[in-house]
C-alpha atoms as a PDB file:
ATOM      1  CA  MET A   1    -160.682  71.059   3.277  1.00  0.00           C
ATOM      2  CA  SER A   2    -163.424  73.574   2.614  1.00  0.00           C
ATOM      3  CA  ALA A   3    -165.723  70.751   1.455  1.00  0.00           C
ATOM      4  CA  GLU A   4    -165.130  68.710   4.622  1.00  0.00           C
ATOM      5  CA  GLU A   5    -167.654  68.478   7.451  1.00  0.00           C
ATOM      6  CA  TYR A   6    -165.112  70.180   9.733  1.00  0.00           C
ATOM      7  CA  PRO A   7    -163.126  72.454   7.386  1.00  0.00           C
ATOM      8  CA  VAL A   8    -161.121  74.132  10.155  1.00  0.00           C
ATOM      9  CA  PRO A   9    -159.144  71.394  11.897  1.00  0.00           C
ATOM     10  CA  GLU A  10    -159.204  70.972  15.649  1.00  0.00           C
ATOM     11  CA  TRP A  11    -155.573  69.890  15.505  1.00  0.00           C
ATOM     12  CA  ILE A  12    -152.632  69.992  13.139  1.00  0.00           C
ATOM     13  CA  VAL A  13    -149.983  67.379  13.955  1.00  0.00           C
ATOM     14  CA  CYS A  14    -146.371  67.578  12.808  1.00  0.00           C
ATOM     15  CA  GLY A  15    -142.953  66.468  13.968  1.00  0.00           C
ATOM     16  CA  ALA A  16    -139.941  68.592  14.851  1.00  0.00           C
ATOM     17  CA  GLY A  17    -136.540  68.186  13.252  1.00  0.00           C
ATOM     18  CA  THR A  18    -135.204  71.705  13.520  1.00  0.00           C
ATOM     19  CA  GLY A  19    -138.557  73.040  14.675  1.00  0.00           C
ATOM     20  CA  GLY A  20    -139.054  75.200  11.602  1.00  0.00           C
ATOM     21  CA  THR A  21    -142.213  73.462  10.385  1.00  0.00           C
ATOM     22  CA  SER A  22    -143.933  73.613  13.767  1.00  0.00           C
ATOM     23  CA  ALA A  23    -142.873  77.245  14.240  1.00  0.00           C
ATOM     24  CA  THR A  24    -144.262  78.227  10.838  1.00  0.00           C
ATOM     25  CA  ILE A  25    -147.540  76.351  11.291  1.00  0.00           C
ATOM     26  CA  GLY A  26    -147.957  77.629  14.857  1.00  0.00           C
ATOM     27  CA  ARG A  27    -147.378  81.224  13.814  1.00  0.00           C
ATOM     28  CA  TYR A  28    -149.821  80.857  10.924  1.00  0.00           C
ATOM     29  CA  ILE A  29    -152.530  79.473  13.230  1.00  0.00           C
ATOM     30  CA  ALA A  30    -152.017  82.395  15.622  1.00  0.00           C
ATOM     31  CA  TYR A  31    -151.982  84.938  12.791  1.00  0.00           C
ATOM     32  CA  GLN A  32    -155.201  83.560  11.292  1.00  0.00           C
ATOM     33  CA  ARG A  33    -156.813  83.368  14.764  1.00  0.00           C
ATOM     34  CA  HIS A  34    -158.219  79.937  14.045  1.00  0.00           C
ATOM     35  CA  GLY A  35    -159.358  77.685  16.870  1.00  0.00           C
ATOM     36  CA  THR A  36    -156.946  75.084  15.544  1.00  0.00           C
ATOM     37  CA  ARG A  37    -154.353  73.753  17.966  1.00  0.00           C
ATOM     38  CA  LEU A  38    -150.863  72.530  17.132  1.00  0.00           C
ATOM     39  CA  CYS A  39    -149.553  69.196  18.394  1.00  0.00           C
ATOM     40  CA  VAL A  40    -145.939  68.221  17.843  1.00  0.00           C
ATOM     41  CA  ALA A  41    -145.129  64.507  17.812  1.00  0.00           C
ATOM     42  CA  ASP A  42    -141.647  63.787  19.115  1.00  0.00           C
ATOM     43  CA  PRO A  43    -139.593  60.617  19.618  1.00  0.00           C
ATOM     44  CA  VAL A  44    -139.319  59.632  23.289  1.00  0.00           C
ATOM     45  CA  HIS A  45    -135.525  59.919  23.090  1.00  0.00           C
ATOM     46  CA  SER A  46    -135.571  63.563  21.940  1.00  0.00           C
ATOM     47  CA  VAL A  47    -135.151  66.786  23.892  1.00  0.00           C
ATOM     48  CA  PHE A  48    -138.006  68.756  22.306  1.00  0.00           C
ATOM     49  CA  HIS A  49    -140.878  67.376  24.407  1.00  0.00           C
ATOM     50  CA  ARG A  50    -138.734  67.721  27.516  1.00  0.00           C
ATOM     51  CA  HIS A  51    -137.997  71.364  26.648  1.00  0.00           C
ATOM     52  CA  PHE A  52    -141.697  71.992  26.032  1.00  0.00           C
ATOM     53  CA  ALA A  53    -142.453  70.783  29.585  1.00  0.00           C
ATOM     54  CA  ASP A  54    -139.421  72.436  31.208  1.00  0.00           C
ATOM     55  CA  ARG A  55    -137.626  75.250  29.379  1.00  0.00           C
ATOM     56  CA  ARG A  56    -134.439  74.460  31.340  1.00  0.00           C
ATOM     57  CA  ALA A  57    -134.086  71.149  29.456  1.00  0.00           C
ATOM     58  CA  LEU A  58    -131.828  72.191  26.589  1.00  0.00           C
ATOM     59  CA  SER A  59    -129.999  68.989  25.747  1.00  0.00           C
ATOM     60  CA  LEU A  60    -129.816  65.290  26.464  1.00  0.00           C
ATOM     61  CA  PRO A  61    -126.512  64.209  27.990  1.00  0.00           C
ATOM     62  CA  GLU A  62    -126.941  60.757  26.449  1.00  0.00           C
ATOM     63  CA  GLY A  63    -127.717  62.162  22.992  1.00  0.00           C
ATOM     64  CA  CYS A  64    -130.771  61.405  20.895  1.00  0.00           C
ATOM     65  CA  GLY A  65    -131.261  57.652  21.003  1.00  0.00           C
ATOM     66  CA  SER A  66    -134.134  57.535  18.525  1.00  0.00           C
ATOM     67  CA  CYS A  67    -133.811  55.666  15.247  1.00  0.00           C
ATOM     68  CA  ILE A  68    -136.556  57.789  13.632  1.00  0.00           C
ATOM     69  CA  GLU A  69    -134.852  59.893  10.992  1.00  0.00           C
ATOM     70  CA  GLY A  70    -135.642  63.556  10.406  1.00  0.00           C
ATOM     71  CA  ILE A  71    -137.231  64.353  13.766  1.00  0.00           C
ATOM     72  CA  GLY A  72    -136.058  64.545  17.351  1.00  0.00           C
ATOM     73  CA  ARG A  73    -132.789  66.060  18.477  1.00  0.00           C
ATOM     74  CA  PRO A  74    -130.332  65.753  21.373  1.00  0.00           C
ATOM     75  CA  ARG A  75    -130.333  69.562  21.812  1.00  0.00           C
ATOM     76  CA  VAL A  76    -132.925  72.282  21.283  1.00  0.00           C
ATOM     77  CA  GLU A  77    -132.563  73.936  17.892  1.00  0.00           C
ATOM     78  CA  PRO A  78    -132.880  77.760  17.677  1.00  0.00           C
ATOM     79  CA  SER A  79    -135.870  77.479  15.324  1.00  0.00           C
ATOM     80  CA  PHE A  80    -137.905  75.413  17.824  1.00  0.00           C
ATOM     81  CA  ILE A  81    -140.484  77.784  19.353  1.00  0.00           C
ATOM     82  CA  PRO A  82    -142.475  76.053  22.103  1.00  0.00           C
ATOM     83  CA  SER A  83    -144.733  79.067  22.703  1.00  0.00           C
ATOM     84  CA  VAL A  84    -146.634  78.393  19.445  1.00  0.00           C
ATOM     85  CA  ILE A  85    -147.248  74.727  20.345  1.00  0.00           C
ATOM     86  CA  ASP A  86    -150.324  73.612  22.290  1.00  0.00           C
ATOM     87  CA  ARG A  87    -149.337  70.024  22.964  1.00  0.00           C
ATOM     88  CA  MET A  88    -146.474  67.612  22.514  1.00  0.00           C
ATOM     89  CA  ILE A  89    -146.799  63.840  22.431  1.00  0.00           C
ATOM     90  CA  ALA A  90    -143.734  61.662  22.971  1.00  0.00           C
ATOM     91  CA  VAL A  91    -143.784  58.482  20.873  1.00  0.00           C
ATOM     92  CA  GLU A  92    -141.715  55.307  21.245  1.00  0.00           C
ATOM     93  CA  ASP A  93    -139.739  54.232  18.169  1.00  0.00           C
ATOM     94  CA  ALA A  94    -141.499  50.842  18.084  1.00  0.00           C
ATOM     95  CA  ALA A  95    -144.902  52.560  17.970  1.00  0.00           C
ATOM     96  CA  SER A  96    -143.732  54.886  15.177  1.00  0.00           C
ATOM     97  CA  ILE A  97    -142.468  51.969  13.103  1.00  0.00           C
ATOM     98  CA  GLY A  98    -145.591  49.892  13.759  1.00  0.00           C
ATOM     99  CA  ALA A  99    -147.829  52.788  12.703  1.00  0.00           C
ATOM    100  CA  MET A 100    -145.655  53.428   9.659  1.00  0.00           C
ATOM    101  CA  ARG A 101    -145.923  49.776   8.611  1.00  0.00           C
ATOM    102  CA  ALA A 102    -149.716  49.697   9.115  1.00  0.00           C
ATOM    103  CA  LEU A 103    -150.247  52.917   7.166  1.00  0.00           C
ATOM    104  CA  SER A 104    -147.978  51.709   4.364  1.00  0.00           C
ATOM    105  CA  ALA A 105    -150.017  48.512   4.078  1.00  0.00           C
ATOM    106  CA  ARG A 106    -153.246  50.532   4.035  1.00  0.00           C
ATOM    107  CA  LEU A 107    -152.020  53.021   1.408  1.00  0.00           C
ATOM    108  CA  GLY A 108    -150.199  50.496  -0.758  1.00  0.00           C
ATOM    109  CA  ARG A 109    -147.032  52.592  -0.672  1.00  0.00           C
ATOM    110  CA  ARG A 110    -144.238  53.057   1.810  1.00  0.00           C
ATOM    111  CA  VAL A 111    -144.061  55.974   4.207  1.00  0.00           C
ATOM    112  CA  GLY A 112    -141.245  56.872   6.587  1.00  0.00           C
ATOM    113  CA  GLY A 113    -140.849  56.626  10.332  1.00  0.00           C
ATOM    114  CA  SER A 114    -141.658  60.253  11.108  1.00  0.00           C
ATOM    115  CA  THR A 115    -145.030  59.774   9.417  1.00  0.00           C
ATOM    116  CA  GLY A 116    -145.609  56.893  11.831  1.00  0.00           C
ATOM    117  CA  THR A 117    -144.724  59.185  14.739  1.00  0.00           C
ATOM    118  CA  ASN A 118    -147.295  61.723  13.549  1.00  0.00           C
ATOM    119  CA  LEU A 119    -149.899  58.995  13.100  1.00  0.00           C
ATOM    120  CA  ILE A 120    -149.478  57.784  16.695  1.00  0.00           C
ATOM    121  CA  ALA A 121    -150.010  61.351  17.933  1.00  0.00           C
ATOM    122  CA  CYS A 122    -153.139  61.605  15.753  1.00  0.00           C
ATOM    123  CA  ALA A 123    -154.481  58.346  17.192  1.00  0.00           C
ATOM    124  CA  THR A 124    -153.897  59.674  20.717  1.00  0.00           C
ATOM    125  CA  LEU A 125    -155.799  62.872  19.934  1.00  0.00           C
ATOM    126  CA  ILE A 126    -158.632  60.935  18.259  1.00  0.00           C
ATOM    127  CA  ALA A 127    -159.044  58.746  21.345  1.00  0.00           C
ATOM    128  CA  GLU A 128    -159.069  61.777  23.637  1.00  0.00           C
ATOM    129  CA  MET A 129    -161.573  63.651  21.475  1.00  0.00           C
ATOM    130  CA  ALA A 130    -163.854  60.605  21.285  1.00  0.00           C
ATOM    131  CA  ALA A 131    -163.694  60.097  25.069  1.00  0.00           C
ATOM    132  CA  ALA A 132    -164.666  63.749  25.581  1.00  0.00           C
ATOM    133  CA  GLY A 133    -167.505  63.529  23.038  1.00  0.00           C
ATOM    134  CA  GLU A 134    -165.741  65.995  20.750  1.00  0.00           C
ATOM    135  CA  ARG A 135    -165.883  65.920  16.975  1.00  0.00           C
ATOM    136  CA  GLY A 136    -163.642  67.555  14.422  1.00  0.00           C
ATOM    137  CA  SER A 137    -160.846  67.028  11.973  1.00  0.00           C
ATOM    138  CA  ILE A 138    -157.158  66.406  12.530  1.00  0.00           C
ATOM    139  CA  VAL A 139    -154.598  67.197   9.850  1.00  0.00           C
ATOM    140  CA  THR A 140    -151.117  65.717   9.657  1.00  0.00           C
ATOM    141  CA  LEU A 141    -148.312  65.440   7.150  1.00  0.00           C
ATOM    142  CA  LEU A 142    -146.999  62.417   5.284  1.00  0.00           C
ATOM    143  CA  CYS A 143    -143.443  63.537   5.873  1.00  0.00           C
ATOM    144  CA  ASP A 144    -141.385  61.278   3.699  1.00  0.00           C
ATOM    145  CA  GLY A 145    -141.612  58.361   1.359  1.00  0.00           C
ATOM    146  CA  GLY A 146    -140.405  55.088   2.790  1.00  0.00           C
ATOM    147  CA  GLU A 147    -138.501  53.767  -0.203  1.00  0.00           C
ATOM    148  CA  ARG A 148    -135.111  54.515   1.340  1.00  0.00           C
ATOM    149  CA  TYR A 149    -135.893  52.501   4.490  1.00  0.00           C
ATOM    150  CA  GLY A 150    -135.941  49.074   2.841  1.00  0.00           C
ATOM    151  CA  CYS A 151    -132.808  47.986   4.742  1.00  0.00           C
ATOM    152  CA  THR A 152    -133.948  49.466   8.067  1.00  0.00           C
ATOM    153  CA  TYR A 153    -137.589  50.128   9.049  1.00  0.00           C
ATOM    154  CA  TYR A 154    -138.912  47.645   6.478  1.00  0.00           C
ATOM    155  CA  ASP A 155    -136.327  44.966   7.321  1.00  0.00           C
ATOM    156  CA  ASP A 156    -137.610  42.674  10.087  1.00  0.00           C
ATOM    157  CA  ALA A 157    -134.124  41.312  10.832  1.00  0.00           C
ATOM    158  CA  TRP A 158    -132.717  44.838  11.254  1.00  0.00           C
ATOM    159  CA  LEU A 159    -135.516  45.751  13.668  1.00  0.00           C
ATOM    160  CA  ASP A 160    -135.277  42.469  15.582  1.00  0.00           C
ATOM    161  CA  ALA A 161    -131.505  42.907  15.995  1.00  0.00           C
ATOM    162  CA  ARG A 162    -132.195  46.244  17.689  1.00  0.00           C
ATOM    163  CA  GLY A 163    -134.938  44.866  19.927  1.00  0.00           C
ATOM    164  CA  ILE A 164    -137.640  46.989  18.304  1.00  0.00           C
ATOM    165  CA  ASP A 165    -140.944  45.148  18.822  1.00  0.00           C
ATOM    166  CA  TRP A 166    -143.110  46.984  16.309  1.00  0.00           C
ATOM    167  CA  ARG A 167    -145.607  44.196  15.529  1.00  0.00           C
ATOM    168  CA  PRO A 168    -148.151  44.840  18.341  1.00  0.00           C
ATOM    169  CA  HIS A 169    -148.219  48.535  17.419  1.00  0.00           C
ATOM    170  CA  ALA A 170    -148.774  47.697  13.750  1.00  0.00           C
ATOM    171  CA  ALA A 171    -151.705  45.436  14.645  1.00  0.00           C
ATOM    172  CA  GLN A 172    -153.296  48.136  16.812  1.00  0.00           C
ATOM    173  CA  MET A 173    -152.877  50.799  14.138  1.00  0.00           C
ATOM    174  CA  ALA A 174    -154.161  48.487  11.389  1.00  0.00           C
ATOM    175  CA  ALA A 175    -157.324  47.907  13.444  1.00  0.00           C
ATOM    176  CA  LEU A 176    -157.748  51.655  13.977  1.00  0.00           C
ATOM    177  CA  LEU A 177    -157.246  52.416  10.286  1.00  0.00           C
ATOM    178  CA  ALA A 178    -159.780  49.713   9.390  1.00  0.00           C
ATOM    179  CA  GLY A 179    -162.305  51.248  11.779  1.00  0.00           C
ATOM    180  CA  ASP A 180    -162.365  48.198  14.074  1.00  0.00           C
END
């Protein structure tokens, strides 16, 4: 990133499965004393964003109802350290899948649902920065390849059977990625 216009990112966006990635990145940012902030994208039906807002929220009695694999949990994992996180953004599964589909079409290769979750959080931060007249870079991770989701996230019948209306989110993200 040293050749970029904004080599030190304003934000780094990642998801939380166990919390280890966000804890490591957050500690590194603090250790390096960068102005970079850490945003964790989390499925709406996960406990992490609830715990970030209220440390007494340790589990979800109904369990984790998200279909996004790899991130989100029904209970707080020991490696999740909210004190190193600056912001959490809760993302609906339909938005994650729509963003994942739009990004896959743009890249010409499949990505997974957690990448879509991260992308929605990035889009939220971009909109907020633009509204505030701020400029800078945002870094996120392409978490997983999407090849293994051919019978789920990339199967319209599977999504329709679960009532996941991803299409409007895909159209919005496709327009954003195209610069429209």
